[in-house]
Amino acid sequence: MSGAPSYLDLLQTAYVWGRMDGLLAADLEPPEGAGPSTASCRGREAEDFARQLWNRPGARPPAGLEANAPHWYAHGFQDALAEVRRERNGAHSRFAARSLPPSTAYAG
């Protein structure tokens, strides 16, 4: 399909959406955090979230997107919360705090 995003592009979009939502939710989340959750992404179940990312009406999302995208979203969300908390606590490092996105491997 011409113009279709790559699988990695889709996962990176999920991560960015998670970061954006995490930055918006930082004031509402409990200070101790609940840990990464993949129960829903943007209020959607994994299957609906994968379809939203794929954004091709009538076409099935790539294999594995339903399983992996929620993890990338959750990781982005948690990274954003941690970033806001570090900034609020005045914890600054000379190294940029950045974690790696989750693996695309699916043990499923």
N, C-alpha and C. Protein backbone atom coordinates (compact mmCIF):
# COMPACT_ATOMS: atom_id res chain seq x y z
N MET A 1 0.85 -1.17 0.00
CA MET A 1 0.00 0.00 0.00
C MET A 1 0.90 1.24 0.00
N SER A 2 0.74 2.07 -0.96
CA SER A 2 1.57 3.26 -1.10
C SER A 2 1.27 4.25 0.02
N GLY A 3 2.34 4.81 0.57
CA GLY A 3 2.18 5.82 1.60
C GLY A 3 1.87 5.27 2.98
N ALA A 4 1.83 3.98 3.13
CA ALA A 4 1.54 3.38 4.43
C ALA A 4 2.76 3.57 5.34
N PRO A 5 2.51 3.92 6.60
CA PRO A 5 3.63 4.07 7.53
C PRO A 5 4.28 2.73 7.83
N SER A 6 5.55 2.77 8.18
CA SER A 6 6.23 1.53 8.55
C SER A 6 5.75 1.10 9.93
N TYR A 7 6.02 -0.15 10.25
CA TYR A 7 5.64 -0.69 11.56
C TYR A 7 6.31 0.12 12.67
N LEU A 8 7.58 0.44 12.49
CA LEU A 8 8.29 1.24 13.49
C LEU A 8 7.67 2.63 13.62
N ASP A 9 7.26 3.23 12.52
CA ASP A 9 6.58 4.54 12.58
C ASP A 9 5.31 4.45 13.43
N LEU A 10 4.57 3.38 13.27
CA LEU A 10 3.34 3.19 14.04
C LEU A 10 3.64 3.07 15.53
N LEU A 11 4.67 2.29 15.86
CA LEU A 11 5.05 2.13 17.27
C LEU A 11 5.55 3.44 17.86
N GLN A 12 6.32 4.19 17.09
CA GLN A 12 6.81 5.47 17.57
C GLN A 12 5.67 6.46 17.76
N THR A 13 4.66 6.40 16.90
CA THR A 13 3.48 7.24 17.08
C THR A 13 2.77 6.89 18.38
N ALA A 14 2.64 5.60 18.68
CA ALA A 14 2.03 5.17 19.94
C ALA A 14 2.82 5.73 21.12
N TYR A 15 4.13 5.68 21.06
CA TYR A 15 4.99 6.21 22.12
C TYR A 15 4.78 7.72 22.29
N VAL A 16 4.75 8.44 21.19
CA VAL A 16 4.56 9.90 21.23
C VAL A 16 3.19 10.24 21.79
N TRP A 17 2.16 9.51 21.38
CA TRP A 17 0.82 9.75 21.93
C TRP A 17 0.81 9.50 23.44
N GLY A 18 1.51 8.45 23.87
CA GLY A 18 1.60 8.17 25.29
C GLY A 18 2.29 9.30 26.04
N ARG A 19 3.39 9.82 25.47
CA ARG A 19 4.10 10.96 26.09
C ARG A 19 3.19 12.18 26.19
N MET A 20 2.49 12.49 25.10
CA MET A 20 1.60 13.65 25.11
C MET A 20 0.52 13.50 26.19
N ASP A 21 -0.08 12.32 26.25
CA ASP A 21 -1.12 12.08 27.25
C ASP A 21 -0.54 12.11 28.66
N GLY A 22 0.67 11.58 28.83
CA GLY A 22 1.32 11.60 30.13
C GLY A 22 1.63 13.00 30.61
N LEU A 23 2.06 13.86 29.70
CA LEU A 23 2.34 15.25 30.06
C LEU A 23 1.06 15.96 30.48
N LEU A 24 -0.04 15.66 29.79
CA LEU A 24 -1.32 16.27 30.15
C LEU A 24 -1.86 15.72 31.46
N ALA A 25 -1.60 14.46 31.73
CA ALA A 25 -2.15 13.80 32.93
C ALA A 25 -1.28 13.97 34.17
N ALA A 26 -0.12 14.56 34.03
CA ALA A 26 0.84 14.62 35.14
C ALA A 26 0.24 15.24 36.40
N ASP A 27 -0.62 16.21 36.25
CA ASP A 27 -1.23 16.85 37.42
C ASP A 27 -2.31 15.99 38.07
N LEU A 28 -2.78 14.98 37.37
CA LEU A 28 -3.88 14.15 37.86
C LEU A 28 -3.44 12.80 38.40
N GLU A 29 -2.25 12.38 38.03
CA GLU A 29 -1.76 11.06 38.42
C GLU A 29 -1.27 11.07 39.87
N PRO A 30 -1.43 9.95 40.58
CA PRO A 30 -0.91 9.89 41.95
C PRO A 30 0.61 10.01 41.94
N PRO A 31 1.18 10.65 42.96
CA PRO A 31 2.63 10.88 42.99
C PRO A 31 3.45 9.61 42.93
N GLU A 32 2.96 8.52 43.50
CA GLU A 32 3.75 7.28 43.50
C GLU A 32 3.64 6.51 42.20
N GLY A 33 2.70 6.86 41.37
CA GLY A 33 2.54 6.18 40.09
C GLY A 33 1.98 4.79 40.26
N ALA A 34 1.33 4.34 39.23
CA ALA A 34 0.72 3.02 39.26
C ALA A 34 1.50 2.01 38.43
N GLY A 35 2.58 2.46 37.81
CA GLY A 35 3.35 1.57 36.95
C GLY A 35 2.73 1.49 35.58
N PRO A 36 3.46 0.96 34.63
CA PRO A 36 2.94 0.89 33.26
C PRO A 36 1.70 0.02 33.18
N SER A 37 0.76 0.48 32.42
CA SER A 37 -0.47 -0.28 32.21
C SER A 37 -0.76 -0.31 30.72
N THR A 38 -1.21 -1.42 30.26
CA THR A 38 -1.57 -1.52 28.85
C THR A 38 -3.04 -1.86 28.71
N ALA A 39 -3.82 -1.59 29.77
CA ALA A 39 -5.24 -1.92 29.74
C ALA A 39 -5.99 -1.11 28.68
N SER A 40 -5.63 0.15 28.52
CA SER A 40 -6.26 0.96 27.49
C SER A 40 -5.31 2.06 27.06
N CYS A 41 -5.50 2.51 25.86
CA CYS A 41 -4.69 3.57 25.30
C CYS A 41 -5.63 4.60 24.71
N ARG A 42 -5.59 5.78 25.28
CA ARG A 42 -6.49 6.84 24.85
C ARG A 42 -7.95 6.38 24.98
N GLY A 43 -8.21 5.60 26.01
CA GLY A 43 -9.56 5.12 26.27
C GLY A 43 -10.02 4.00 25.36
N ARG A 44 -9.10 3.40 24.65
CA ARG A 44 -9.44 2.33 23.71
C ARG A 44 -8.79 1.02 24.13
N GLU A 45 -9.45 -0.06 23.80
CA GLU A 45 -8.84 -1.38 23.97
C GLU A 45 -7.75 -1.53 22.92
N ALA A 46 -6.87 -2.50 23.11
CA ALA A 46 -5.71 -2.69 22.23
C ALA A 46 -6.10 -2.81 20.75
N GLU A 47 -7.15 -3.56 20.45
CA GLU A 47 -7.56 -3.75 19.06
C GLU A 47 -8.00 -2.42 18.43
N ASP A 48 -8.80 -1.64 19.15
CA ASP A 48 -9.25 -0.35 18.64
C ASP A 48 -8.09 0.64 18.53
N PHE A 49 -7.17 0.59 19.48
CA PHE A 49 -6.01 1.47 19.44
C PHE A 49 -5.15 1.17 18.20
N ALA A 50 -4.95 -0.10 17.90
CA ALA A 50 -4.18 -0.49 16.71
C ALA A 50 -4.87 0.01 15.44
N ARG A 51 -6.19 -0.10 15.39
CA ARG A 51 -6.93 0.40 14.21
C ARG A 51 -6.80 1.92 14.10
N GLN A 52 -6.83 2.62 15.24
CA GLN A 52 -6.67 4.07 15.23
C GLN A 52 -5.28 4.46 14.69
N LEU A 53 -4.26 3.76 15.14
CA LEU A 53 -2.91 4.03 14.65
C LEU A 53 -2.80 3.75 13.15
N TRP A 54 -3.35 2.62 12.71
CA TRP A 54 -3.24 2.20 11.32
C TRP A 54 -4.01 3.15 10.41
N ASN A 55 -5.18 3.56 10.84
CA ASN A 55 -5.98 4.58 10.14
C ASN A 55 -6.19 4.27 8.66
N ARG A 56 -6.51 3.02 8.37
CA ARG A 56 -6.81 2.59 7.01
C ARG A 56 -8.16 1.88 7.05
N PRO A 57 -9.26 2.60 6.78
CA PRO A 57 -10.60 1.98 6.86
C PRO A 57 -10.69 0.69 6.05
N GLY A 58 -11.22 -0.31 6.69
CA GLY A 58 -11.42 -1.60 6.03
C GLY A 58 -10.20 -2.49 5.95
N ALA A 59 -9.03 -1.97 6.33
CA ALA A 59 -7.79 -2.77 6.27
C ALA A 59 -7.36 -3.14 7.69
N ARG A 60 -6.88 -4.36 7.83
CA ARG A 60 -6.40 -4.81 9.14
C ARG A 60 -5.03 -4.20 9.43
N PRO A 61 -4.81 -3.81 10.68
CA PRO A 61 -3.48 -3.31 11.07
C PRO A 61 -2.43 -4.41 10.92
N PRO A 62 -1.17 -4.03 10.80
CA PRO A 62 -0.10 -5.04 10.69
C PRO A 62 -0.10 -6.00 11.88
N ALA A 63 0.32 -7.21 11.61
CA ALA A 63 0.39 -8.23 12.65
C ALA A 63 1.28 -7.74 13.79
N GLY A 64 0.84 -7.95 15.00
CA GLY A 64 1.61 -7.58 16.18
C GLY A 64 1.36 -6.18 16.69
N LEU A 65 0.75 -5.32 15.89
CA LEU A 65 0.53 -3.94 16.33
C LEU A 65 -0.39 -3.90 17.54
N GLU A 66 -1.42 -4.73 17.53
CA GLU A 66 -2.35 -4.78 18.65
C GLU A 66 -1.64 -5.18 19.94
N ALA A 67 -0.66 -6.05 19.84
CA ALA A 67 0.06 -6.52 21.04
C ALA A 67 1.14 -5.53 21.48
N ASN A 68 1.82 -4.89 20.53
CA ASN A 68 2.97 -4.06 20.87
C ASN A 68 2.67 -2.59 21.09
N ALA A 69 1.75 -2.01 20.34
CA ALA A 69 1.49 -0.57 20.45
C ALA A 69 1.07 -0.15 21.86
N PRO A 70 0.24 -0.91 22.57
CA PRO A 70 -0.10 -0.49 23.93
C PRO A 70 1.12 -0.40 24.86
N HIS A 71 2.11 -1.26 24.65
CA HIS A 71 3.32 -1.20 25.47
C HIS A 71 4.12 0.07 25.17
N TRP A 72 4.21 0.43 23.91
CA TRP A 72 4.92 1.65 23.53
C TRP A 72 4.18 2.87 24.08
N TYR A 73 2.85 2.85 23.99
CA TYR A 73 2.04 3.94 24.53
C TYR A 73 2.28 4.07 26.04
N ALA A 74 2.19 2.97 26.76
CA ALA A 74 2.35 2.99 28.21
C ALA A 74 3.75 3.47 28.60
N HIS A 75 4.74 3.06 27.83
CA HIS A 75 6.11 3.48 28.11
C HIS A 75 6.27 4.99 27.91
N GLY A 76 5.69 5.52 26.85
CA GLY A 76 5.72 6.97 26.62
C GLY A 76 5.00 7.72 27.72
N PHE A 77 3.87 7.19 28.16
CA PHE A 77 3.09 7.81 29.23
C PHE A 77 3.92 7.87 30.52
N GLN A 78 4.53 6.75 30.88
CA GLN A 78 5.33 6.69 32.10
C GLN A 78 6.58 7.57 32.00
N ASP A 79 7.21 7.62 30.83
CA ASP A 79 8.37 8.49 30.64
C ASP A 79 8.00 9.95 30.86
N ALA A 80 6.85 10.36 30.35
CA ALA A 80 6.40 11.75 30.51
C ALA A 80 6.13 12.05 31.99
N LEU A 81 5.47 11.13 32.69
CA LEU A 81 5.22 11.34 34.12
C LEU A 81 6.52 11.47 34.89
N ALA A 82 7.47 10.61 34.59
CA ALA A 82 8.76 10.65 35.29
C ALA A 82 9.49 11.96 34.99
N GLU A 83 9.41 12.42 33.76
CA GLU A 83 10.05 13.68 33.39
C GLU A 83 9.47 14.85 34.18
N VAL A 84 8.16 14.91 34.26
CA VAL A 84 7.50 15.99 35.00
C VAL A 84 7.87 15.92 36.48
N ARG A 85 7.89 14.72 37.03
CA ARG A 85 8.24 14.57 38.46
C ARG A 85 9.67 15.00 38.73
N ARG A 86 10.60 14.64 37.83
CA ARG A 86 11.99 15.08 38.00
C ARG A 86 12.08 16.60 37.97
N GLU A 87 11.38 17.21 37.04
CA GLU A 87 11.42 18.67 36.94
C GLU A 87 10.83 19.32 38.18
N ARG A 88 9.75 18.76 38.70
CA ARG A 88 9.13 19.32 39.90
C ARG A 88 9.99 19.16 41.13
N ASN A 89 10.73 18.08 41.17
CA ASN A 89 11.60 17.83 42.32
C ASN A 89 12.95 18.53 42.18
N GLY A 90 13.15 19.21 41.09
CA GLY A 90 14.40 19.91 40.87
C GLY A 90 15.56 18.99 40.60
N ALA A 91 15.28 17.76 40.26
CA ALA A 91 16.34 16.78 39.97
C ALA A 91 16.81 16.96 38.55
N HIS A 92 17.95 17.56 38.42
CA HIS A 92 18.51 17.76 37.08
C HIS A 92 19.82 17.00 36.99
N SER A 93 20.02 16.40 35.89
CA SER A 93 21.24 15.64 35.65
C SER A 93 21.97 16.28 34.48
N ARG A 94 23.27 16.08 34.44
CA ARG A 94 23.99 16.60 33.28
C ARG A 94 23.75 15.71 32.07
N PHE A 95 23.13 14.55 32.29
CA PHE A 95 22.77 13.66 31.20
C PHE A 95 21.27 13.72 31.02
N ALA A 96 20.83 13.76 29.79
CA ALA A 96 19.40 13.77 29.51
C ALA A 96 18.79 12.46 29.96
N ALA A 97 17.73 12.53 30.72
CA ALA A 97 17.04 11.31 31.16
C ALA A 97 16.20 10.80 30.00
N ARG A 98 16.60 9.68 29.47
CA ARG A 98 15.88 9.11 28.34
C ARG A 98 15.97 7.61 28.42
N SER A 99 14.86 6.98 28.30
CA SER A 99 14.87 5.53 28.29
C SER A 99 14.59 5.04 26.89
N LEU A 100 14.91 3.81 26.65
CA LEU A 100 14.68 3.23 25.35
C LEU A 100 13.24 2.78 25.23
N PRO A 101 12.66 2.89 24.04
CA PRO A 101 11.31 2.36 23.86
C PRO A 101 11.32 0.86 24.09
N PRO A 102 10.18 0.30 24.43
CA PRO A 102 10.12 -1.14 24.66
C PRO A 102 10.45 -1.93 23.41
N SER A 103 10.82 -3.16 23.61
CA SER A 103 11.17 -4.05 22.51
C SER A 103 9.94 -4.33 21.66
N THR A 104 10.16 -4.56 20.39
CA THR A 104 9.06 -4.94 19.52
C THR A 104 8.84 -6.45 19.53
N ALA A 105 9.66 -7.15 20.28
CA ALA A 105 9.51 -8.61 20.35
C ALA A 105 8.23 -8.95 21.07
N TYR A 106 7.54 -9.90 20.58
CA TYR A 106 6.29 -10.33 21.19
C TYR A 106 6.43 -11.80 21.58
N ALA A 107 6.24 -12.07 22.84
CA ALA A 107 6.44 -13.43 23.34
C ALA A 107 5.13 -14.20 23.35
N GLY A 108 4.16 -13.72 22.68
CA GLY A 108 2.87 -14.17 22.75
C GLY A 108 2.19 -15.32 22.45
